Amino acid sequence: MLHLRPRGSHRLPESVRRGLTFWRRSIQARVVASTVLLSVVVISGVGWYLLRQTRDGLLDHRVDAVVAEANDETASARGRLEAVTGTDADVAGQLRELAEPIIQAGDARDFSVVLAGPTGDGGRIADGGANYTRGLDTSSVPAKLEEHFDDSSTTAWTYTVIRSTDRDGVTTERPGIAVGAQVQLPADGQTYTLYYLFPLGEQEETLALVSRALLTAAVLLVVLVAGMTWLVTRQVVTPIRMARQVAERLAAGQLQERLRVSGEDDLARLATSFNQMASNLQRQIRQLEELSRVQRRFTSDVSHELRTPLTTVRMASDVLHDARADFDPATARAAELLQTELDRFETLLVDLLEISRFDAGAAVLELDDVNLVDVAHRVVDATGPLAQQRRVQVVVRAPDHPCLAEADVRRIERVVRNLLTNAIDHTSTDRAGGDIVVTVAGDDHAAAITVRDYGVGLAAGEAAMVFNRFWRADPARARTSGGTGLGLSISLEDTHLHGGWLQAWGRPGEGAQFRLTLPRRAGGVLRHSPLPLVPVDVTEPVT
């Protein structure tokens, strides 16, 4: 059985995501964290080095002291044995007389003693017969120290763990130093080994005290470094944050916002430069706004003022055009040209008025459910005479079912009409396959119309310029449709008003394709188009 994971189950908890967002956005947090981390590494290294040097120094000093003390005790024992008469053959008695003073001295000076021997076979402590301090576990003497005296008689030492049991039966373990030295017993002439076990309790306490002091100092130092870093970075980051906030308000249109300048340091100079830049931008933006307002007012006024004389000229032109049969051929031709140019001039005034509405933000939509298939057929039928004049066939490829979008049908028809007349203008009539293809498609989120022609095409970079006002790819080329040069610009504004896309593709000698994409619902966000921008019959070059 297939088990599906619920949506969002892989997402991080809200607190973690907020923390990651804060980490990404706060340079102060990153600087403080990195400084603290580096400080911890450095302080840990220095502390480890100091602690190791302190430990080695304490142990070395203790080793020297206990070896000297063991040698003194061994020398005293040898002196006592030399004072014994040669006729004394009581081995056990001499061993007791040898061990008891040392054990008593050990009880007084906090060290333990083990007397083992004789050396050779059966001379190990574990074999029994050893004299040692009461309560001491003789296994505290390391075996490697015993093995040392199998083939050497020099004094030796090593670290060990001293195990002992007190009168209450409690067993304790303490780190210590074991020192071994040999003496010869007069009673039997054999060699016995004295083991001195010195605890390291004082050194252990001293090392713990030093460790606590170093740890406390390290924690205080890290906190101090973190606080200092936070204060230093705050002095730098706070003006930057203020500049960001002011920049955001400037971008939102609050052009009067400025940074507060205090002092004469680099940050103050930066704030001064920022304020000067904001003032220059404000002045230039206001100049551009004023120029734009004057331009819009000029376009609107000229368009309106020209309508009255245009009406008068239109009336006179209609009279001349109707009476052209009574004129000589030259005058009749002039009357026809006057009528044609007046039609184009009137269309230009209408387009200028529409552009002025877009510039003034006064354009509004009359939304309705529009079937783009019907729009395509109506526009193709309306431009049929122009296509026949240019001997161009227009083909519509559309699905059988409706392709709906919530839009202003008048504006959408104007966009498609401008695209189609532009394609007719630029389609070559002296080559085969010169048909214009209008394709309609849609899906659940968007609807699109493409207009594909096989004319002169567009050179590199012209696809972005084709929607500029009065722009022409070939200035010497005549406008057979009587266009004004504003059709594609108005189409782009109409498309943006719907929240859609109007894009162009072209290649010299292979024609061009324009694509109109609209969201299915007004206010929807476009993420893709149902139709490709590059025609399917074009092979892209391999790069």
Protein backbone atom coordinates (compact mmCIF):
# COMPACT_ATOMS: atom_id res chain seq x y z
CA MET A 1 0.00 0.00 0.00
CA LEU A 2 1.26 3.48 -0.88
CA HIS A 3 1.38 5.85 2.07
CA LEU A 4 1.35 9.55 1.26
CA ARG A 5 2.99 12.05 3.56
CA PRO A 6 0.70 14.95 4.47
CA ARG A 7 1.61 18.27 2.96
CA GLY A 8 3.80 20.40 5.16
CA SER A 9 4.93 17.50 7.37
CA HIS A 10 8.52 17.97 6.23
CA ARG A 11 8.56 21.66 7.11
CA LEU A 12 10.64 22.94 9.98
CA PRO A 13 8.95 24.14 13.18
CA GLU A 14 7.94 27.78 13.28
CA SER A 15 10.49 28.65 15.98
CA VAL A 16 13.31 27.08 13.97
CA ARG A 17 12.28 28.93 10.80
CA ARG A 18 12.10 32.22 12.71
CA GLY A 19 15.55 31.57 14.12
CA LEU A 20 16.99 30.79 10.69
CA THR A 21 15.36 33.92 9.25
CA PHE A 22 16.83 36.03 12.06
CA TRP A 23 20.26 34.44 11.47
CA ARG A 24 20.13 35.20 7.74
CA ARG A 25 18.99 38.78 8.18
CA SER A 26 21.03 39.90 11.23
CA ILE A 27 24.67 40.64 10.48
CA GLN A 28 25.09 41.61 14.13
CA ALA A 29 24.05 38.14 15.31
CA ARG A 30 26.44 36.47 12.86
CA VAL A 31 29.37 38.71 13.87
CA VAL A 32 28.75 38.16 17.59
CA ALA A 33 28.32 34.39 17.13
CA SER A 34 31.45 34.01 15.01
CA THR A 35 33.49 36.15 17.43
CA VAL A 36 32.28 34.15 20.43
CA LEU A 37 32.99 30.89 18.64
CA LEU A 38 36.54 31.95 17.75
CA SER A 39 37.05 33.22 21.30
CA VAL A 40 35.91 29.89 22.73
CA VAL A 41 38.32 28.02 20.47
CA VAL A 42 41.25 30.29 21.36
CA ILE A 43 40.48 30.36 25.09
CA SER A 44 40.01 26.58 25.15
CA GLY A 45 43.38 26.07 23.48
CA VAL A 46 45.16 28.47 25.81
CA GLY A 47 43.39 27.03 28.86
CA TRP A 48 44.29 23.48 27.86
CA TYR A 49 47.92 24.48 27.42
CA LEU A 50 48.08 26.30 30.78
CA LEU A 51 46.34 23.44 32.57
CA ARG A 52 48.71 20.90 31.07
CA GLN A 53 51.76 22.96 32.01
CA THR A 54 50.43 23.37 35.55
CA ARG A 55 49.73 19.64 35.89
CA ASP A 56 53.16 18.68 34.57
CA GLY A 57 54.83 21.16 36.89
CA LEU A 58 52.95 19.89 39.95
CA LEU A 59 53.67 16.26 39.12
CA ASP A 60 57.33 16.85 38.35
CA HIS A 61 57.78 18.69 41.64
CA ARG A 62 55.93 15.95 43.51
CA VAL A 63 57.96 13.18 41.86
CA ASP A 64 61.22 14.86 42.83
CA ALA A 65 60.01 15.27 46.40
CA VAL A 66 58.73 11.70 46.87
CA VAL A 67 61.82 10.11 45.27
CA ALA A 68 64.06 12.13 47.59
CA GLU A 69 61.93 11.19 50.61
CA ALA A 70 61.98 7.52 49.60
CA ASN A 71 65.76 7.63 49.21
CA ASP A 72 66.08 9.20 52.67
CA GLU A 73 63.89 6.49 54.22
CA THR A 74 65.85 3.77 52.39
CA ALA A 75 69.17 5.23 53.55
CA SER A 76 67.91 5.31 57.16
CA ALA A 77 66.81 1.69 56.84
CA ARG A 78 70.19 0.64 55.49
CA GLY A 79 71.87 2.44 58.39
CA ARG A 80 69.77 0.56 60.88
CA LEU A 81 70.56 -2.77 59.19
CA GLU A 82 74.29 -2.06 59.24
CA ALA A 83 74.05 -1.55 63.01
CA VAL A 84 72.67 -5.06 63.51
CA THR A 85 75.23 -7.61 64.82
CA GLY A 86 76.34 -10.27 62.42
CA THR A 87 75.29 -13.07 64.79
CA ASP A 88 71.60 -12.15 64.56
CA ALA A 89 69.98 -14.76 62.31
CA ASP A 90 66.31 -13.95 63.03
CA VAL A 91 65.08 -13.10 59.53
CA ALA A 92 61.48 -12.42 60.55
CA GLY A 93 62.56 -10.22 63.45
CA GLN A 94 64.89 -8.18 61.26
CA LEU A 95 62.12 -7.72 58.68
CA ARG A 96 59.75 -6.41 61.37
CA GLU A 97 62.45 -4.10 62.77
CA LEU A 98 63.08 -2.88 59.22
CA ALA A 99 59.43 -2.33 58.19
CA GLU A 100 57.82 -1.01 61.40
CA PRO A 101 59.74 2.29 61.66
CA ILE A 102 59.09 3.06 58.02
CA ILE A 103 55.39 2.17 58.33
CA GLN A 104 55.10 4.39 61.41
CA ALA A 105 56.82 7.22 59.55
CA GLY A 106 54.42 6.66 56.64
CA ASP A 107 51.42 6.90 58.93
CA ALA A 108 52.75 10.18 60.24
CA ARG A 109 53.62 11.66 56.80
CA ASP A 110 50.75 10.13 54.78
CA PHE A 111 52.41 7.50 52.65
CA SER A 112 52.14 3.72 52.64
CA VAL A 113 54.87 1.06 52.64
CA VAL A 114 55.22 -2.48 51.32
CA LEU A 115 58.25 -4.65 52.12
CA ALA A 116 58.50 -7.65 49.79
CA GLY A 117 61.15 -10.22 49.09
CA PRO A 118 63.50 -11.76 48.85
CA THR A 119 64.04 -11.17 45.14
CA GLY A 120 63.98 -14.12 42.78
CA ASP A 121 61.52 -16.96 42.63
CA GLY A 122 58.66 -16.45 45.04
CA GLY A 123 59.65 -12.87 45.68
CA ARG A 124 56.45 -11.24 44.34
CA ILE A 125 54.09 -9.36 46.67
CA ALA A 126 51.20 -11.54 45.54
CA ASP A 127 53.05 -14.64 46.79
CA GLY A 128 52.58 -13.50 50.40
CA GLY A 129 55.00 -12.84 53.20
CA ALA A 130 55.09 -9.10 52.67
CA ASN A 131 55.00 -6.51 55.42
CA TYR A 132 52.85 -3.46 54.57
CA THR A 133 50.82 -0.63 55.99
CA ARG A 134 47.59 -1.69 57.64
CA GLY A 135 44.53 -1.44 55.35
CA LEU A 136 46.61 -1.12 52.16
CA ASP A 137 45.75 -3.27 49.15
CA THR A 138 49.12 -4.62 48.00
CA SER A 139 47.86 -4.69 44.40
CA SER A 140 48.44 -0.93 44.46
CA VAL A 141 52.07 -1.69 43.62
CA PRO A 142 52.21 -1.93 39.78
CA ALA A 143 53.47 -5.22 38.40
CA LYS A 144 55.82 -3.42 35.99
CA LEU A 145 57.57 -1.82 38.98
CA GLU A 146 58.11 -5.26 40.51
CA GLU A 147 59.42 -6.53 37.20
CA HIS A 148 61.94 -3.70 37.12
CA PHE A 149 63.82 -5.19 40.08
CA ASP A 150 64.17 -8.59 38.44
CA ASP A 151 67.23 -7.38 36.57
CA SER A 152 68.06 -4.01 38.20
CA SER A 153 68.70 -2.71 41.69
CA THR A 154 68.38 1.04 41.00
CA THR A 155 65.60 3.09 42.53
CA ALA A 156 62.55 3.41 40.20
CA TRP A 157 59.15 5.08 40.31
CA THR A 158 55.84 5.06 38.42
CA TYR A 159 52.29 6.37 38.66
CA THR A 160 49.70 4.13 40.27
CA VAL A 161 46.31 3.99 41.98
CA ILE A 162 46.49 3.50 45.75
CA ARG A 163 43.68 1.30 47.06
CA SER A 164 43.06 1.10 50.81
CA THR A 165 40.36 0.04 53.26
CA ASP A 166 39.65 2.01 56.43
CA ARG A 167 38.45 0.65 59.76
CA ASP A 168 34.83 0.92 58.69
CA GLY A 169 35.50 -1.31 55.67
CA VAL A 170 35.18 1.52 53.10
CA THR A 171 37.52 1.06 50.14
CA THR A 172 38.99 4.18 48.53
CA GLU A 173 41.13 4.74 45.45
CA ARG A 174 43.53 7.65 45.08
CA PRO A 175 46.08 8.50 42.40
CA GLY A 176 49.61 8.24 43.61
CA ILE A 177 53.28 7.59 42.94
CA ALA A 178 54.97 4.28 43.69
CA VAL A 179 58.75 4.35 44.42
CA GLY A 180 60.79 1.17 44.79
CA ALA A 181 64.23 0.68 46.40
CA GLN A 182 66.18 -2.39 47.50
CA VAL A 183 67.98 -3.23 50.75
CA GLN A 184 70.02 -6.28 51.84
CA LEU A 185 69.02 -8.09 55.04
CA PRO A 186 72.03 -9.17 57.23
CA ALA A 187 70.17 -12.15 58.69
CA ASP A 188 70.05 -14.12 55.43
CA GLY A 189 72.11 -11.92 53.11
CA GLN A 190 69.29 -11.64 50.57
CA THR A 191 67.85 -8.57 48.91
CA TYR A 192 64.42 -7.20 49.78
CA THR A 193 62.43 -4.43 48.08
CA LEU A 194 60.78 -1.46 49.78
CA TYR A 195 57.81 0.09 47.94
CA TYR A 196 56.71 3.59 48.99
CA LEU A 197 53.21 4.73 47.90
CA PHE A 198 52.75 8.49 48.03
CA PRO A 199 49.23 9.88 47.31
CA LEU A 200 48.66 12.84 44.97
CA GLY A 201 45.70 14.27 46.85
CA GLU A 202 47.13 17.76 47.32
CA GLN A 203 48.18 17.98 43.69
CA GLU A 204 44.75 16.77 42.61
CA GLU A 205 43.05 19.44 44.71
CA THR A 206 45.42 22.11 43.42
CA LEU A 207 44.77 21.04 39.81
CA ALA A 208 41.00 21.09 40.41
CA LEU A 209 41.27 24.58 41.91
CA VAL A 210 43.29 25.80 38.94
CA SER A 211 40.81 24.16 36.52
CA ARG A 212 37.86 25.90 38.20
CA ALA A 213 39.68 29.20 38.14
CA LEU A 214 40.55 28.83 34.46
CA LEU A 215 36.99 27.77 33.61
CA THR A 216 35.49 30.71 35.50
CA ALA A 217 37.91 33.11 33.85
CA ALA A 218 37.15 31.61 30.42
CA VAL A 219 33.38 31.97 30.88
CA LEU A 220 33.74 35.55 32.10
CA LEU A 221 36.11 36.34 29.23
CA VAL A 222 33.73 34.86 26.62
CA VAL A 223 30.82 36.83 28.07
CA LEU A 224 32.96 39.97 28.08
CA VAL A 225 34.05 39.42 24.47
CA ALA A 226 30.44 38.76 23.41
CA GLY A 227 29.26 41.94 25.14
CA MET A 228 32.04 44.04 23.66
CA THR A 229 31.43 42.60 20.20
CA TRP A 230 27.71 43.28 20.48
CA LEU A 231 28.34 46.88 21.53
CA VAL A 232 30.88 47.48 18.77
CA THR A 233 28.76 45.91 16.04
CA ARG A 234 25.70 47.76 17.30
CA GLN A 235 27.47 51.05 16.79
CA VAL A 236 28.10 50.04 13.17
CA VAL A 237 24.92 48.12 12.40
CA THR A 238 22.44 50.60 13.89
CA PRO A 239 23.20 53.35 11.32
CA ILE A 240 23.05 50.72 8.57
CA ARG A 241 19.62 49.58 9.77
CA MET A 242 18.44 53.17 9.89
CA ALA A 243 19.72 53.68 6.34
CA ARG A 244 17.86 50.55 5.23
CA GLN A 245 14.63 51.75 6.81
CA VAL A 246 14.97 55.18 5.24
CA ALA A 247 15.79 53.60 1.87
CA GLU A 248 12.68 51.43 2.12
CA ARG A 249 10.54 54.48 2.89
CA LEU A 250 12.13 56.34 -0.02
CA ALA A 251 11.35 53.40 -2.28
CA ALA A 252 7.75 53.50 -1.01
CA GLY A 253 7.44 57.10 -2.19
CA GLN A 254 8.21 59.01 1.02
CA LEU A 255 10.83 61.18 -0.65
CA GLN A 256 11.16 63.57 2.29
CA GLU A 257 12.79 60.91 4.53
CA ARG A 258 16.40 61.60 5.58
CA LEU A 259 19.02 60.07 7.86
CA ARG A 260 19.96 61.79 11.11
CA VAL A 261 23.59 62.95 11.04
CA SER A 262 25.56 63.08 14.29
CA GLY A 263 29.32 63.47 14.59
CA GLU A 264 31.98 63.65 11.90
CA ASP A 265 33.11 60.03 11.59
CA ASP A 266 32.80 57.76 8.55
CA LEU A 267 29.22 56.79 9.39
CA ALA A 268 28.23 60.44 9.71
CA ARG A 269 29.83 61.17 6.34
CA LEU A 270 28.00 58.19 4.89
CA ALA A 271 24.70 59.55 6.24
CA THR A 272 25.48 62.96 4.75
CA SER A 273 26.22 61.42 1.36
CA PHE A 274 23.05 59.34 1.59
CA ASN A 275 20.97 62.43 2.35
CA GLN A 276 22.54 64.29 -0.56
CA MET A 277 21.76 61.36 -2.86
CA ALA A 278 18.16 61.25 -1.58
CA SER A 279 17.78 64.99 -2.15
CA ASN A 280 19.11 64.71 -5.70
CA LEU A 281 16.81 61.77 -6.39
CA GLN A 282 13.85 63.64 -4.95
CA ARG A 283 14.61 66.67 -7.11
CA GLN A 284 15.05 64.58 -10.25
CA ILE A 285 11.93 62.51 -9.58
CA ARG A 286 9.88 65.67 -9.09
CA GLN A 287 11.30 67.08 -12.29
CA LEU A 288 10.40 63.88 -14.12
CA GLU A 289 6.94 63.87 -12.57
CA GLU A 290 6.45 67.47 -13.65
CA LEU A 291 7.68 66.71 -17.15
CA SER A 292 5.43 63.66 -17.30
CA ARG A 293 2.47 65.70 -16.10
CA VAL A 294 3.18 68.41 -18.67
CA GLN A 295 3.57 65.77 -21.37
CA ARG A 296 0.29 64.11 -20.44
CA ARG A 297 -1.47 67.46 -20.26
CA PHE A 298 0.02 68.50 -23.58
CA THR A 299 -1.01 65.24 -25.27
CA SER A 300 -4.53 65.44 -23.86
CA ASP A 301 -4.94 69.12 -24.67
CA VAL A 302 -3.60 68.80 -28.19
CA SER A 303 -5.78 65.75 -28.84
CA HIS A 304 -8.89 67.55 -27.64
CA GLU A 305 -8.07 70.87 -29.30
CA LEU A 306 -7.40 69.19 -32.64
CA ARG A 307 -10.78 67.51 -32.73
CA THR A 308 -12.64 70.76 -33.53
CA PRO A 309 -10.51 71.79 -36.56
CA LEU A 310 -10.36 68.14 -37.58
CA THR A 311 -14.16 68.03 -37.71
CA THR A 312 -14.19 71.10 -39.95
CA VAL A 313 -11.50 69.69 -42.21
CA ARG A 314 -13.34 66.34 -42.26
CA MET A 315 -16.53 68.05 -43.48
CA ALA A 316 -14.64 69.88 -46.26
CA SER A 317 -12.79 66.69 -47.18
CA ASP A 318 -16.04 64.74 -47.41
CA VAL A 319 -17.44 67.37 -49.80
CA LEU A 320 -14.32 67.21 -51.94
CA HIS A 321 -14.21 63.43 -51.86
CA ASP A 322 -17.87 63.14 -52.89
CA ALA A 323 -17.30 65.59 -55.81
CA ARG A 324 -14.02 64.06 -56.99
CA ALA A 325 -15.73 62.69 -60.14
CA ASP A 326 -16.11 66.26 -61.43
CA PHE A 327 -12.41 67.07 -60.91
CA ASP A 328 -9.49 66.47 -63.20
CA PRO A 329 -7.47 63.28 -62.39
CA ALA A 330 -4.78 65.11 -60.37
CA THR A 331 -7.31 66.94 -58.21
CA ALA A 332 -9.39 63.77 -57.73
CA ARG A 333 -6.32 61.88 -56.60
CA ALA A 334 -5.50 64.67 -54.15
CA ALA A 335 -9.02 64.46 -52.71
CA GLU A 336 -8.63 60.69 -52.19
CA LEU A 337 -5.24 61.12 -50.51
CA LEU A 338 -6.69 63.84 -48.26
CA GLN A 339 -9.51 61.53 -47.18
CA THR A 340 -7.05 58.67 -46.43
CA GLU A 341 -4.69 60.85 -44.39
CA LEU A 342 -7.60 62.38 -42.47
CA ASP A 343 -8.73 58.85 -41.53
CA ARG A 344 -5.22 58.07 -40.30
CA PHE A 345 -5.01 61.41 -38.46
CA GLU A 346 -8.31 60.76 -36.71
CA THR A 347 -7.10 57.30 -35.67
CA LEU A 348 -3.89 58.87 -34.36
CA LEU A 349 -5.89 61.31 -32.21
CA VAL A 350 -7.94 58.45 -30.77
CA ASP A 351 -4.75 56.54 -29.94
CA LEU A 352 -3.17 59.61 -28.36
CA LEU A 353 -6.21 60.10 -26.15
CA GLU A 354 -6.05 56.45 -25.12
CA ILE A 355 -2.33 56.75 -24.32
CA SER A 356 -3.02 59.84 -22.24
CA ARG A 357 -5.60 57.88 -20.24
CA PHE A 358 -3.04 55.17 -19.54
CA ASP A 359 -0.43 57.75 -18.51
CA ALA A 360 -2.90 59.44 -16.20
CA GLY A 361 -3.99 56.12 -14.65
CA ALA A 362 -7.59 56.73 -15.68
CA ALA A 363 -8.05 53.55 -17.72
CA VAL A 364 -10.57 51.11 -16.23
CA LEU A 365 -11.73 47.63 -17.17
CA GLU A 366 -15.25 46.43 -17.90
CA LEU A 367 -14.83 42.79 -16.99
CA ASP A 368 -16.82 39.92 -18.37
CA ASP A 369 -16.28 36.27 -19.29
CA VAL A 370 -14.72 36.49 -22.76
CA ASN A 371 -14.37 33.55 -25.14
CA LEU A 372 -11.02 34.04 -26.85
CA VAL A 373 -12.02 31.68 -29.65
CA ASP A 374 -14.87 34.01 -30.64
CA VAL A 375 -12.55 37.01 -30.30
CA ALA A 376 -10.04 35.44 -32.67
CA HIS A 377 -12.70 34.68 -35.31
CA ARG A 378 -14.27 38.16 -35.08
CA VAL A 379 -10.90 39.90 -35.46
CA VAL A 380 -9.92 37.67 -38.39
CA ASP A 381 -13.25 38.43 -40.12
CA ALA A 382 -12.82 42.17 -39.48
CA THR A 383 -9.31 42.25 -40.97
CA GLY A 384 -10.27 40.01 -43.89
CA PRO A 385 -10.34 42.83 -46.50
CA LEU A 386 -6.85 43.98 -45.47
CA ALA A 387 -5.53 40.41 -45.66
CA GLN A 388 -7.08 39.96 -49.12
CA GLN A 389 -5.51 43.22 -50.25
CA ARG A 390 -2.11 41.91 -49.16
CA ARG A 391 -2.93 38.47 -50.60
CA VAL A 392 -2.36 36.85 -47.21
CA GLN A 393 -4.43 34.02 -45.78
CA VAL A 394 -5.16 34.03 -42.05
CA VAL A 395 -5.70 30.64 -40.39
CA VAL A 396 -7.27 30.19 -36.94
CA ARG A 397 -6.32 27.17 -34.87
CA ALA A 398 -8.58 26.95 -31.86
CA PRO A 399 -10.17 24.20 -29.76
CA ASP A 400 -13.80 23.23 -30.24
CA HIS A 401 -14.69 24.17 -26.69
CA PRO A 402 -14.76 27.77 -25.37
CA CYS A 403 -11.55 29.28 -24.00
CA LEU A 404 -12.77 31.70 -21.34
CA ALA A 405 -10.98 34.49 -19.48
CA GLU A 406 -12.32 37.27 -17.28
CA ALA A 407 -11.41 40.40 -19.30
CA ASP A 408 -12.56 43.56 -21.08
CA VAL A 409 -13.70 42.29 -24.48
CA ARG A 410 -13.20 45.67 -26.21
CA ARG A 411 -9.60 45.96 -25.11
CA ILE A 412 -8.78 42.31 -25.85
CA GLU A 413 -10.21 42.62 -29.36
CA ARG A 414 -8.12 45.75 -29.85
CA VAL A 415 -4.97 43.89 -28.74
CA VAL A 416 -5.60 40.96 -31.10
CA ARG A 417 -6.52 43.34 -33.94
CA ASN A 418 -3.31 45.31 -33.50
CA LEU A 419 -1.25 42.09 -33.45
CA LEU A 420 -2.97 40.77 -36.57
CA THR A 421 -2.74 44.00 -38.59
CA ASN A 422 0.92 44.28 -37.57
CA ALA A 423 1.49 40.72 -38.83
CA ILE A 424 -0.27 41.53 -42.12
CA ASP A 425 1.89 44.65 -42.54
CA HIS A 426 5.11 42.64 -42.15
CA THR A 427 4.17 39.46 -44.05
CA SER A 428 5.90 38.98 -47.38
CA THR A 429 3.60 38.22 -50.33
CA ASP A 430 6.30 37.01 -52.70
CA ARG A 431 7.14 33.76 -50.91
CA ALA A 432 5.36 30.48 -50.40
CA GLY A 433 3.87 29.61 -47.05
CA GLY A 434 3.10 33.19 -46.16
CA ASP A 435 -0.04 32.37 -44.14
CA ILE A 436 -0.64 33.98 -40.76
CA VAL A 437 -1.62 31.53 -38.02
CA VAL A 438 -3.72 32.61 -35.04
CA THR A 439 -3.65 29.99 -32.26
CA VAL A 440 -5.89 29.91 -29.18
CA ALA A 441 -5.37 27.67 -26.14
CA GLY A 442 -6.10 27.63 -22.43
CA ASP A 443 -5.83 25.66 -19.21
CA ASP A 444 -7.12 25.94 -15.64
CA HIS A 445 -5.02 29.01 -14.84
CA ALA A 446 -4.42 30.97 -18.06
CA ALA A 447 -5.61 31.54 -21.62
CA ALA A 448 -3.42 32.61 -24.55
CA ILE A 449 -3.51 33.74 -28.18
CA THR A 450 -0.49 33.70 -30.49
CA VAL A 451 -0.19 35.43 -33.88
CA ARG A 452 2.47 33.85 -36.09
CA ASP A 453 3.65 35.44 -39.32
CA TYR A 454 6.35 34.48 -41.80
CA GLY A 455 7.46 37.98 -42.71
CA VAL A 456 10.68 39.92 -42.25
CA GLY A 457 11.01 38.89 -38.61
CA LEU A 458 12.82 40.69 -35.80
CA ALA A 459 16.54 41.13 -35.30
CA ALA A 460 18.27 40.39 -31.99
CA GLY A 461 17.14 42.86 -29.31
CA GLU A 462 14.15 44.15 -31.28
CA ALA A 463 11.66 41.92 -29.47
CA ALA A 464 11.96 44.19 -26.42
CA MET A 465 11.76 47.42 -28.48
CA VAL A 466 8.78 46.51 -30.65
CA PHE A 467 6.33 47.76 -27.99
CA ASN A 468 7.93 51.23 -27.77
CA ARG A 469 5.83 54.14 -28.99
CA PHE A 470 6.32 55.01 -32.68
CA TRP A 471 9.10 52.42 -33.01
CA ARG A 472 9.49 50.76 -36.41
CA ALA A 473 11.87 47.97 -37.34
CA ASP A 474 12.25 49.44 -40.82
CA PRO A 475 11.59 53.23 -40.88
CA ALA A 476 11.46 53.18 -44.71
CA ARG A 477 8.66 50.58 -44.76
CA ALA A 478 5.15 51.84 -45.52
CA ARG A 479 2.17 51.13 -43.24
CA THR A 480 -0.35 49.44 -45.48
CA SER A 481 -2.90 49.20 -42.70
CA GLY A 482 -2.79 52.91 -41.92
CA GLY A 483 -1.33 52.33 -38.45
CA THR A 484 -0.20 55.15 -36.19
CA GLY A 485 2.81 53.49 -34.51
CA LEU A 486 0.97 53.36 -31.17
CA GLY A 487 -0.96 50.13 -31.63
CA LEU A 488 1.51 47.77 -29.95
CA SER A 489 2.17 50.26 -27.14
CA ILE A 490 -1.57 50.51 -26.44
CA SER A 491 -1.82 46.70 -26.65
CA LEU A 492 0.93 46.35 -24.02
CA GLU A 493 -0.86 48.79 -21.71
CA ASP A 494 -4.15 46.92 -22.20
CA THR A 495 -2.41 43.65 -21.35
CA HIS A 496 -0.79 45.07 -18.22
CA LEU A 497 -4.17 46.43 -17.17
CA HIS A 498 -5.43 42.83 -17.20
CA GLY A 499 -2.36 41.54 -15.31
CA GLY A 500 -1.28 39.57 -18.38
CA TRP A 501 1.76 39.10 -20.60
CA LEU A 502 2.38 40.40 -24.11
CA GLN A 503 5.61 39.01 -25.53
CA ALA A 504 7.31 38.90 -28.91
CA TRP A 505 9.71 36.53 -30.64
CA GLY A 506 11.30 36.95 -34.02
CA ARG A 507 14.19 35.97 -36.21
CA PRO A 508 15.29 37.67 -39.44
CA GLY A 509 13.89 35.87 -42.47
CA GLU A 510 11.81 33.43 -40.38
CA GLY A 511 9.02 35.74 -39.25
CA ALA A 512 7.76 36.62 -35.82
CA GLN A 513 5.28 35.46 -33.21
CA PHE A 514 3.42 37.55 -30.63
CA ARG A 515 1.84 35.91 -27.59
CA LEU A 516 -0.94 37.32 -25.42
CA THR A 517 -1.45 35.51 -22.10
CA LEU A 518 -4.27 36.36 -19.67
CA PRO A 519 -5.16 34.94 -16.25
CA ARG A 520 -8.43 33.02 -16.21
CA ARG A 521 -9.66 35.20 -13.34
CA ALA A 522 -9.05 38.90 -12.83
CA GLY A 523 -6.33 39.53 -10.31
CA GLY A 524 -4.80 36.09 -10.80
CA VAL A 525 -1.01 35.68 -10.93
CA LEU A 526 0.44 34.23 -14.12
CA ARG A 527 3.13 31.59 -13.76
CA HIS A 528 3.06 30.02 -17.22
CA SER A 529 1.41 30.29 -20.61
CA PRO A 530 -0.56 27.52 -22.37
CA LEU A 531 1.24 28.34 -25.64
CA PRO A 532 5.01 28.53 -26.28
CA LEU A 533 6.56 31.84 -27.25
CA VAL A 534 8.95 30.25 -29.75
CA PRO A 535 6.96 28.63 -32.60
CA VAL A 536 7.03 24.85 -32.74
CA ASP A 537 8.13 24.95 -36.39
CA VAL A 538 11.37 26.75 -35.51
CA THR A 539 14.56 24.91 -34.63
CA GLU A 540 16.65 26.77 -32.10
CA PRO A 541 20.38 26.91 -32.91
CA VAL A 542 22.67 24.76 -30.76
CA THR A 543 24.91 26.89 -28.56
